[in-house]
Amino acid sequence: MAALPNICPYIHLPAQSGSDAVLRRMKRGYTRAEYDGLVDRARAIVPDVVLAGDFIVGFPGETEEDHRCSVELARRSGYKNSFIFRYSPRPGTAGEKLPDDVSQEVKQRRNSELLAVQAEVGLAHHRQYVARTVEVLVEGPSPKAGRRASAGSSAAGQLVGRTRGDHIVVFDGRAELAGQYVQVEILSATPLTLMGRLATSSAPDDS
């Protein structure tokens, strides 16, 4: 990944929990320390690597301390985004024979708390790109393409694309840019999205 330009510096690295006790019950086969070490090695080898995570809240036997460990892991890992789910029994999984002993109310609260933490972490991550110019592979019109293009833009509407780190980027541009690589100057960020404008070198020539 560090040496080959055709491999994007993006890793989806599911943790599921930040607690060793829960990881053992999940039969995940690694410890929190091993997971932290993997994250640290990835960042040492590929300094611009982008990480995404997965968490399950309310797994059988999960305590408030276990949940706190997951919150701490999300903060430490600095994920671009995380997929966070409430536990529910599934045949053939590690929790199948364990009592589903965390109430739905507690699962919902922990889910909401972890989502809120990830929103903070994701916003901090995305803000690192503000004022930078990034390469974007244009996918096509944004789902919100009906919104008015920025003042002075010759664009037909909003486009959406992805960076090499799988960041979603929204900017004004022409539909025929779909499938092309362009340079986009990042102007602002949300927890999940970067907003920008075509850099001068990528803007179509109307002359």
C-alpha atoms as a PDB file:
ATOM      1  CA  MET A   1       0.000   0.000   0.000  1.00  0.00           C
ATOM      2  CA  ALA A   2       2.834   2.392   0.815  1.00  0.00           C
ATOM      3  CA  ALA A   3       4.830   1.556  -2.305  1.00  0.00           C
ATOM      4  CA  LEU A   4       2.217   1.085  -5.030  1.00  0.00           C
ATOM      5  CA  PRO A   5       0.297   4.136  -6.315  1.00  0.00           C
ATOM      6  CA  ASN A   6      -2.521   1.953  -7.684  1.00  0.00           C
ATOM      7  CA  ILE A   7      -3.491   0.835  -4.156  1.00  0.00           C
ATOM      8  CA  CYS A   8      -5.590   3.358  -2.259  1.00  0.00           C
ATOM      9  CA  PRO A   9      -4.494   4.163   1.324  1.00  0.00           C
ATOM     10  CA  TYR A  10      -7.807   3.147   2.860  1.00  0.00           C
ATOM     11  CA  ILE A  11      -8.459   0.275   5.290  1.00  0.00           C
ATOM     12  CA  HIS A  12     -11.800  -0.891   6.655  1.00  0.00           C
ATOM     13  CA  LEU A  13     -10.649  -2.282   9.990  1.00  0.00           C
ATOM     14  CA  PRO A  14     -13.595  -3.608  12.050  1.00  0.00           C
ATOM     15  CA  ALA A  15     -12.944  -3.613  15.797  1.00  0.00           C
ATOM     16  CA  GLN A  16     -16.465  -4.565  17.013  1.00  0.00           C
ATOM     17  CA  SER A  17     -15.514  -3.685  20.604  1.00  0.00           C
ATOM     18  CA  GLY A  18     -12.771  -1.971  22.562  1.00  0.00           C
ATOM     19  CA  SER A  19     -13.074  -4.405  25.478  1.00  0.00           C
ATOM     20  CA  ASP A  20     -10.977  -7.560  25.739  1.00  0.00           C
ATOM     21  CA  ALA A  21     -13.753  -9.300  27.684  1.00  0.00           C
ATOM     22  CA  VAL A  22     -16.283  -8.652  24.923  1.00  0.00           C
ATOM     23  CA  LEU A  23     -13.803  -9.548  22.181  1.00  0.00           C
ATOM     24  CA  ARG A  24     -13.259 -12.925  23.864  1.00  0.00           C
ATOM     25  CA  ARG A  25     -16.995 -13.602  23.989  1.00  0.00           C
ATOM     26  CA  MET A  26     -17.255 -12.552  20.344  1.00  0.00           C
ATOM     27  CA  LYS A  27     -14.439 -15.025  19.524  1.00  0.00           C
ATOM     28  CA  ARG A  28     -12.666 -12.295  17.598  1.00  0.00           C
ATOM     29  CA  GLY A  29      -9.221 -13.824  18.100  1.00  0.00           C
ATOM     30  CA  TYR A  30      -7.351 -10.606  18.960  1.00  0.00           C
ATOM     31  CA  THR A  31      -6.968  -8.290  21.930  1.00  0.00           C
ATOM     32  CA  ARG A  32      -7.438  -4.558  22.214  1.00  0.00           C
ATOM     33  CA  ALA A  33      -3.658  -4.122  22.462  1.00  0.00           C
ATOM     34  CA  GLU A  34      -3.159  -6.101  19.238  1.00  0.00           C
ATOM     35  CA  TYR A  35      -5.760  -3.975  17.475  1.00  0.00           C
ATOM     36  CA  ASP A  36      -4.129  -0.754  18.702  1.00  0.00           C
ATOM     37  CA  GLY A  37      -0.778  -2.079  17.507  1.00  0.00           C
ATOM     38  CA  LEU A  38      -2.182  -2.783  14.053  1.00  0.00           C
ATOM     39  CA  VAL A  39      -3.528   0.766  13.811  1.00  0.00           C
ATOM     40  CA  ASP A  40      -0.186   2.201  14.915  1.00  0.00           C
ATOM     41  CA  ARG A  41       1.764   0.077  12.403  1.00  0.00           C
ATOM     42  CA  ALA A  42      -0.570   1.078   9.587  1.00  0.00           C
ATOM     43  CA  ARG A  43      -0.048   4.770  10.339  1.00  0.00           C
ATOM     44  CA  ALA A  44       3.712   4.353  10.678  1.00  0.00           C
ATOM     45  CA  ILE A  45       3.999   2.584   7.329  1.00  0.00           C
ATOM     46  CA  VAL A  46       1.386   4.615   5.426  1.00  0.00           C
ATOM     47  CA  PRO A  47       1.254   8.055   7.088  1.00  0.00           C
ATOM     48  CA  ASP A  48      -1.778   9.188   5.069  1.00  0.00           C
ATOM     49  CA  VAL A  49      -3.751   5.967   5.621  1.00  0.00           C
ATOM     50  CA  VAL A  50      -7.487   6.429   6.229  1.00  0.00           C
ATOM     51  CA  LEU A  51      -9.315   4.045   8.561  1.00  0.00           C
ATOM     52  CA  ALA A  52     -12.962   3.059   8.922  1.00  0.00           C
ATOM     53  CA  GLY A  53     -14.330   0.871  11.712  1.00  0.00           C
ATOM     54  CA  ASP A  54     -17.217  -1.318  12.848  1.00  0.00           C
ATOM     55  CA  PHE A  55     -18.751  -1.619  16.318  1.00  0.00           C
ATOM     56  CA  ILE A  56     -21.488  -3.714  17.885  1.00  0.00           C
ATOM     57  CA  VAL A  57     -23.002  -2.264  21.055  1.00  0.00           C
ATOM     58  CA  GLY A  58     -24.932  -4.268  23.623  1.00  0.00           C
ATOM     59  CA  PHE A  59     -23.277  -7.619  22.937  1.00  0.00           C
ATOM     60  CA  PRO A  60     -24.238 -10.170  25.644  1.00  0.00           C
ATOM     61  CA  GLY A  61     -22.553  -9.321  28.921  1.00  0.00           C
ATOM     62  CA  GLU A  62     -21.381  -5.867  27.818  1.00  0.00           C
ATOM     63  CA  THR A  63     -20.963  -3.581  30.832  1.00  0.00           C
ATOM     64  CA  GLU A  64     -20.732   0.191  31.033  1.00  0.00           C
ATOM     65  CA  GLU A  65     -16.959  -0.194  31.388  1.00  0.00           C
ATOM     66  CA  ASP A  66     -16.867  -2.334  28.227  1.00  0.00           C
ATOM     67  CA  HIS A  67     -18.843   0.354  26.416  1.00  0.00           C
ATOM     68  CA  ARG A  68     -16.458   3.040  27.698  1.00  0.00           C
ATOM     69  CA  CYS A  69     -13.577   1.026  26.192  1.00  0.00           C
ATOM     70  CA  SER A  70     -15.303   1.102  22.793  1.00  0.00           C
ATOM     71  CA  VAL A  71     -15.797   4.861  23.054  1.00  0.00           C
ATOM     72  CA  GLU A  72     -12.124   5.303  23.921  1.00  0.00           C
ATOM     73  CA  LEU A  73     -11.080   3.091  21.003  1.00  0.00           C
ATOM     74  CA  ALA A  74     -13.141   5.159  18.569  1.00  0.00           C
ATOM     75  CA  ARG A  75     -11.449   8.328  19.795  1.00  0.00           C
ATOM     76  CA  ARG A  76      -7.966   6.803  19.690  1.00  0.00           C
ATOM     77  CA  SER A  77      -8.311   5.290  16.233  1.00  0.00           C
ATOM     78  CA  GLY A  78      -9.498   8.499  14.540  1.00  0.00           C
ATOM     79  CA  TYR A  79     -11.768   6.746  12.059  1.00  0.00           C
ATOM     80  CA  LYS A  80     -13.059   8.520   8.991  1.00  0.00           C
ATOM     81  CA  ASN A  81     -16.338   6.797   9.713  1.00  0.00           C
ATOM     82  CA  SER A  82     -17.649   3.787  11.605  1.00  0.00           C
ATOM     83  CA  PHE A  83     -20.538   1.423  11.067  1.00  0.00           C
ATOM     84  CA  ILE A  84     -22.229   1.083  14.458  1.00  0.00           C
ATOM     85  CA  PHE A  85     -24.952  -1.454  15.167  1.00  0.00           C
ATOM     86  CA  ARG A  86     -27.021  -2.623  18.114  1.00  0.00           C
ATOM     87  CA  TYR A  87     -26.544  -6.315  18.889  1.00  0.00           C
ATOM     88  CA  SER A  88     -29.319  -8.720  17.991  1.00  0.00           C
ATOM     89  CA  PRO A  89     -29.099 -12.550  18.055  1.00  0.00           C
ATOM     90  CA  ARG A  90     -28.110 -14.231  14.794  1.00  0.00           C
ATOM     91  CA  PRO A  91     -27.920 -17.986  14.131  1.00  0.00           C
ATOM     92  CA  GLY A  92     -24.405 -19.320  13.785  1.00  0.00           C
ATOM     93  CA  THR A  93     -22.713 -16.358  15.480  1.00  0.00           C
ATOM     94  CA  ALA A  94     -20.637 -16.167  18.655  1.00  0.00           C
ATOM     95  CA  GLY A  95     -23.541 -14.723  20.646  1.00  0.00           C
ATOM     96  CA  GLU A  96     -26.080 -17.373  19.606  1.00  0.00           C
ATOM     97  CA  LYS A  97     -25.855 -19.336  22.865  1.00  0.00           C
ATOM     98  CA  LEU A  98     -25.336 -16.342  25.146  1.00  0.00           C
ATOM     99  CA  PRO A  99     -28.217 -14.631  26.954  1.00  0.00           C
ATOM    100  CA  ASP A 100     -29.246 -11.392  25.273  1.00  0.00           C
ATOM    101  CA  ASP A 101     -29.009  -9.609  28.617  1.00  0.00           C
ATOM    102  CA  VAL A 102     -28.538  -5.968  27.612  1.00  0.00           C
ATOM    103  CA  SER A 103     -31.866  -4.165  27.401  1.00  0.00           C
ATOM    104  CA  GLN A 104     -33.019  -2.481  24.223  1.00  0.00           C
ATOM    105  CA  GLU A 105     -33.038   0.852  26.035  1.00  0.00           C
ATOM    106  CA  VAL A 106     -29.395   0.460  27.027  1.00  0.00           C
ATOM    107  CA  LYS A 107     -28.446  -0.705  23.539  1.00  0.00           C
ATOM    108  CA  GLN A 108     -30.117   2.364  22.033  1.00  0.00           C
ATOM    109  CA  ARG A 109     -28.376   4.708  24.461  1.00  0.00           C
ATOM    110  CA  ARG A 110     -24.967   3.183  23.862  1.00  0.00           C
ATOM    111  CA  ASN A 111     -25.571   3.205  20.114  1.00  0.00           C
ATOM    112  CA  SER A 112     -26.469   6.907  20.226  1.00  0.00           C
ATOM    113  CA  GLU A 113     -23.470   7.721  22.426  1.00  0.00           C
ATOM    114  CA  LEU A 114     -21.030   5.944  20.140  1.00  0.00           C
ATOM    115  CA  LEU A 115     -22.566   7.543  17.048  1.00  0.00           C
ATOM    116  CA  ALA A 116     -22.138  10.970  18.678  1.00  0.00           C
ATOM    117  CA  VAL A 117     -18.486  10.237  19.457  1.00  0.00           C
ATOM    118  CA  GLN A 118     -17.885   9.030  15.914  1.00  0.00           C
ATOM    119  CA  ALA A 119     -19.459  12.237  14.589  1.00  0.00           C
ATOM    120  CA  GLU A 120     -16.905  14.238  16.600  1.00  0.00           C
ATOM    121  CA  VAL A 121     -14.043  12.019  15.468  1.00  0.00           C
ATOM    122  CA  GLY A 122     -15.195  12.061  11.847  1.00  0.00           C
ATOM    123  CA  LEU A 123     -15.527  15.840  11.812  1.00  0.00           C
ATOM    124  CA  ALA A 124     -12.021  16.260  13.237  1.00  0.00           C
ATOM    125  CA  HIS A 125     -10.688  13.864  10.594  1.00  0.00           C
ATOM    126  CA  HIS A 126     -12.435  15.598   7.707  1.00  0.00           C
ATOM    127  CA  ARG A 127     -11.409  19.079   8.857  1.00  0.00           C
ATOM    128  CA  GLN A 128      -7.780  18.117   8.270  1.00  0.00           C
ATOM    129  CA  TYR A 129      -8.513  18.367   4.551  1.00  0.00           C
ATOM    130  CA  VAL A 130      -9.953  21.896   4.565  1.00  0.00           C
ATOM    131  CA  ALA A 131      -7.796  24.276   2.480  1.00  0.00           C
ATOM    132  CA  ARG A 132      -6.093  21.321   0.789  1.00  0.00           C
ATOM    133  CA  THR A 133      -6.476  20.292  -2.858  1.00  0.00           C
ATOM    134  CA  VAL A 134      -7.219  16.600  -3.328  1.00  0.00           C
ATOM    135  CA  GLU A 135      -7.590  14.223  -6.257  1.00  0.00           C
ATOM    136  CA  VAL A 136     -11.190  13.068  -6.728  1.00  0.00           C
ATOM    137  CA  LEU A 137     -12.641  10.358  -8.931  1.00  0.00           C
ATOM    138  CA  VAL A 138     -15.965  11.807 -10.060  1.00  0.00           C
ATOM    139  CA  GLU A 139     -18.899   9.419  -9.667  1.00  0.00           C
ATOM    140  CA  GLY A 140     -21.617  11.633 -11.117  1.00  0.00           C
ATOM    141  CA  PRO A 141     -24.435  13.931  -9.970  1.00  0.00           C
ATOM    142  CA  SER A 142     -24.826  14.324  -6.233  1.00  0.00           C
ATOM    143  CA  PRO A 143     -28.056  12.997  -4.701  1.00  0.00           C
ATOM    144  CA  LYS A 144     -28.648  16.653  -3.841  1.00  0.00           C
ATOM    145  CA  ALA A 145     -27.798  17.803  -7.341  1.00  0.00           C
ATOM    146  CA  GLY A 146     -30.940  19.901  -7.466  1.00  0.00           C
ATOM    147  CA  ARG A 147     -29.355  22.446  -5.161  1.00  0.00           C
ATOM    148  CA  ARG A 148     -28.263  25.644  -6.863  1.00  0.00           C
ATOM    149  CA  ALA A 149     -24.666  25.723  -8.002  1.00  0.00           C
ATOM    150  CA  SER A 150     -22.389  28.283  -6.368  1.00  0.00           C
ATOM    151  CA  ALA A 151     -22.384  31.830  -7.668  1.00  0.00           C
ATOM    152  CA  GLY A 152     -20.365  32.253 -10.838  1.00  0.00           C
ATOM    153  CA  SER A 153     -20.126  28.534 -11.522  1.00  0.00           C
ATOM    154  CA  SER A 154     -20.670  27.274 -15.051  1.00  0.00           C
ATOM    155  CA  ALA A 155     -21.589  23.860 -13.653  1.00  0.00           C
ATOM    156  CA  ALA A 156     -24.775  22.048 -14.506  1.00  0.00           C
ATOM    157  CA  GLY A 157     -25.137  21.055 -10.872  1.00  0.00           C
ATOM    158  CA  GLN A 158     -23.499  19.338  -7.963  1.00  0.00           C
ATOM    159  CA  LEU A 159     -21.248  16.351  -8.464  1.00  0.00           C
ATOM    160  CA  VAL A 160     -20.018  13.782  -5.980  1.00  0.00           C
ATOM    161  CA  GLY A 161     -16.793  11.814  -6.026  1.00  0.00           C
ATOM    162  CA  ARG A 162     -14.317   9.948  -3.851  1.00  0.00           C
ATOM    163  CA  THR A 163     -10.740  10.596  -2.814  1.00  0.00           C
ATOM    164  CA  ARG A 164      -8.073   7.907  -2.583  1.00  0.00           C
ATOM    165  CA  GLY A 165      -9.017   7.657   1.086  1.00  0.00           C
ATOM    166  CA  ASP A 166     -12.697   7.027   0.237  1.00  0.00           C
ATOM    167  CA  HIS A 167     -13.786  10.484   1.388  1.00  0.00           C
ATOM    168  CA  ILE A 168     -17.043  11.670  -0.154  1.00  0.00           C
ATOM    169  CA  VAL A 169     -16.495  15.023  -1.894  1.00  0.00           C
ATOM    170  CA  VAL A 170     -19.293  17.283  -3.169  1.00  0.00           C
ATOM    171  CA  PHE A 171     -18.578  20.149  -5.569  1.00  0.00           C
ATOM    172  CA  ASP A 172     -20.055  22.015  -8.526  1.00  0.00           C
ATOM    173  CA  GLY A 173     -19.192  20.638 -11.955  1.00  0.00           C
ATOM    174  CA  ARG A 174     -20.454  19.423 -15.274  1.00  0.00           C
ATOM    175  CA  ALA A 175     -22.006  15.980 -15.647  1.00  0.00           C
ATOM    176  CA  GLU A 176     -19.497  14.969 -18.322  1.00  0.00           C
ATOM    177  CA  LEU A 177     -16.770  14.904 -15.658  1.00  0.00           C
ATOM    178  CA  ALA A 178     -18.198  11.587 -14.394  1.00  0.00           C
ATOM    179  CA  GLY A 179     -15.516   8.907 -14.534  1.00  0.00           C
ATOM    180  CA  GLN A 180     -12.671  11.409 -14.602  1.00  0.00           C
ATOM    181  CA  TYR A 181     -10.076  12.386 -12.029  1.00  0.00           C
ATOM    182  CA  VAL A 182     -10.170  16.046 -11.032  1.00  0.00           C
ATOM    183  CA  GLN A 183      -8.478  18.273  -8.466  1.00  0.00           C
ATOM    184  CA  VAL A 184     -10.826  19.752  -5.878  1.00  0.00           C
ATOM    185  CA  GLU A 185      -9.998  22.454  -3.345  1.00  0.00           C
ATOM    186  CA  ILE A 186     -11.702  21.582  -0.043  1.00  0.00           C
ATOM    187  CA  LEU A 187     -13.602  24.486   1.498  1.00  0.00           C
ATOM    188  CA  SER A 188     -15.540  22.920   4.376  1.00  0.00           C
ATOM    189  CA  ALA A 189     -16.329  19.617   6.047  1.00  0.00           C
ATOM    190  CA  THR A 190     -19.021  17.703   7.915  1.00  0.00           C
ATOM    191  CA  PRO A 191     -18.569  14.443   9.861  1.00  0.00           C
ATOM    192  CA  LEU A 192     -19.160  12.474   6.651  1.00  0.00           C
ATOM    193  CA  THR A 193     -18.509  14.778   3.686  1.00  0.00           C
ATOM    194  CA  LEU A 194     -16.017  17.211   2.198  1.00  0.00           C
ATOM    195  CA  MET A 195     -17.299  20.208   0.216  1.00  0.00           C
ATOM    196  CA  GLY A 196     -15.151  21.997  -2.306  1.00  0.00           C
ATOM    197  CA  ARG A 197     -14.689  23.571  -5.696  1.00  0.00           C
ATOM    198  CA  LEU A 198     -12.847  22.514  -8.801  1.00  0.00           C
ATOM    199  CA  ALA A 199      -9.259  23.656  -8.755  1.00  0.00           C
ATOM    200  CA  THR A 200      -8.313  25.928 -11.650  1.00  0.00           C
ATOM    201  CA  SER A 201      -6.295  23.171 -13.321  1.00  0.00           C
ATOM    202  CA  SER A 202      -9.396  20.911 -13.373  1.00  0.00           C
ATOM    203  CA  ALA A 203     -11.998  23.464 -14.435  1.00  0.00           C
ATOM    204  CA  PRO A 204     -13.333  22.992 -17.995  1.00  0.00           C
ATOM    205  CA  ASP A 205     -12.136  25.506 -20.580  1.00  0.00           C
ATOM    206  CA  ASP A 206     -15.134  27.318 -22.070  1.00  0.00           C
ATOM    207  CA  SER A 207     -13.068  29.254 -24.592  1.00  0.00           C
END
